[in-house]
Amino acid sequence: MVWTAAFLLLVFTAILDNQKLGRLQEAEDLRQMRIVRYLTNPFAIVSQGLAWLLILIFAPQFQLVIMVWQILFIAGRTNVDIDRQHSLNR
């Protein structure tokens, strides 16, 4: 949870900085990253929180399985590097 909060803080700071500098397309690209959309989706937040709570109460040994699943199927499915994409477009 700490990693998620730190990552979102970093992304939102980058979005605000890009907006201040007039780089609206870069800010929108950051906002549209798959991982950012997932981590800010209210349904995903609530359902994941409930799943974590139930697993913590009834089967704490499966938390490691859930963490590996998140790494492989959520964090591993990233967008094309935005910086590289913009440098190629210029």
Protein backbone atom coordinates (compact mmCIF):
# COMPACT_ATOMS: atom_id res chain seq x y z
CA MET A 1 0.00 0.00 0.00
CA VAL A 2 2.89 2.35 0.71
CA TRP A 3 4.36 1.68 -2.75
CA THR A 4 0.98 2.42 -4.34
CA ALA A 5 0.56 5.68 -2.43
CA ALA A 6 4.12 6.80 -3.26
CA PHE A 7 3.66 5.89 -6.94
CA LEU A 8 0.36 7.78 -7.19
CA LEU A 9 1.87 10.81 -5.44
CA LEU A 10 4.74 10.77 -7.94
CA VAL A 11 2.39 10.47 -10.93
CA PHE A 12 0.03 13.20 -9.73
CA THR A 13 3.00 15.50 -9.05
CA ALA A 14 4.30 14.85 -12.58
CA ILE A 15 0.83 15.54 -14.02
CA LEU A 16 0.55 18.86 -12.17
CA ASP A 17 4.08 19.89 -13.17
CA ASN A 18 3.39 19.08 -16.82
CA GLN A 19 0.17 21.10 -16.69
CA LYS A 20 1.99 24.09 -15.18
CA LEU A 21 4.59 23.90 -17.96
CA GLY A 22 1.90 23.75 -20.63
CA ARG A 23 2.62 20.15 -21.59
CA LEU A 24 -1.02 19.12 -21.64
CA GLN A 25 -0.51 16.06 -23.85
CA GLU A 26 2.16 14.65 -21.54
CA ALA A 27 -0.10 15.22 -18.52
CA GLU A 28 -2.98 13.45 -20.27
CA ASP A 29 -0.70 10.56 -21.28
CA LEU A 30 0.30 10.10 -17.65
CA ARG A 31 -3.35 10.21 -16.60
CA GLN A 32 -4.24 7.57 -19.20
CA MET A 33 -1.54 5.06 -18.19
CA ARG A 34 -3.17 1.68 -17.56
CA ILE A 35 -1.71 1.33 -14.06
CA VAL A 36 -2.86 4.83 -13.04
CA ARG A 37 -6.38 4.20 -14.34
CA TYR A 38 -6.47 0.91 -12.44
CA LEU A 39 -5.14 2.33 -9.18
CA THR A 40 -7.61 5.23 -9.24
CA ASN A 41 -10.65 3.15 -10.20
CA PRO A 42 -13.09 3.24 -7.23
CA PHE A 43 -14.45 -0.25 -8.01
CA ALA A 44 -10.95 -1.72 -8.07
CA ILE A 45 -10.02 0.02 -4.81
CA VAL A 46 -13.11 -1.19 -2.93
CA SER A 47 -13.08 -4.73 -4.30
CA GLN A 48 -9.38 -5.13 -3.69
CA GLY A 49 -9.70 -3.75 -0.16
CA LEU A 50 -12.48 -6.20 0.64
CA ALA A 51 -10.52 -9.09 -0.84
CA TRP A 52 -7.43 -8.17 1.21
CA LEU A 53 -9.52 -7.93 4.37
CA LEU A 54 -11.19 -11.31 3.82
CA ILE A 55 -7.88 -12.96 3.00
CA LEU A 56 -6.23 -11.38 6.04
CA ILE A 57 -8.98 -12.74 8.32
CA PHE A 58 -9.56 -16.20 6.84
CA ALA A 59 -6.41 -17.20 4.92
CA PRO A 60 -3.42 -14.91 5.56
CA GLN A 61 -1.02 -17.31 3.84
CA PHE A 62 -2.59 -16.42 0.48
CA GLN A 63 -1.54 -12.77 0.66
CA LEU A 64 1.75 -13.65 -1.00
CA VAL A 65 -0.15 -15.28 -3.87
CA ILE A 66 -2.24 -12.13 -4.32
CA MET A 67 0.86 -9.92 -4.28
CA VAL A 68 2.58 -12.03 -6.96
CA TRP A 69 -0.62 -11.94 -9.05
CA GLN A 70 -0.69 -8.14 -8.83
CA ILE A 71 2.92 -7.84 -9.88
CA LEU A 72 2.56 -10.19 -12.82
CA PHE A 73 -0.81 -9.13 -14.19
CA ILE A 74 -1.18 -5.50 -13.19
CA ALA A 75 2.23 -3.87 -12.77
CA GLY A 76 3.78 -6.00 -15.49
CA ARG A 77 1.28 -4.81 -18.11
CA THR A 78 2.59 -1.30 -18.63
CA ASN A 79 2.23 1.20 -21.44
CA VAL A 80 4.93 2.14 -23.87
CA ASP A 81 7.48 4.37 -22.18
CA ILE A 82 5.89 7.81 -22.42
CA ASP A 83 9.20 9.70 -22.47
CA ARG A 84 10.48 7.57 -25.32
CA GLN A 85 7.20 7.94 -27.21
CA HIS A 86 7.29 11.75 -26.99
CA SER A 87 10.94 12.00 -27.95
CA LEU A 88 10.24 9.94 -31.07
CA ASN A 89 7.25 12.12 -31.98
CA ARG A 90 9.24 15.36 -31.87
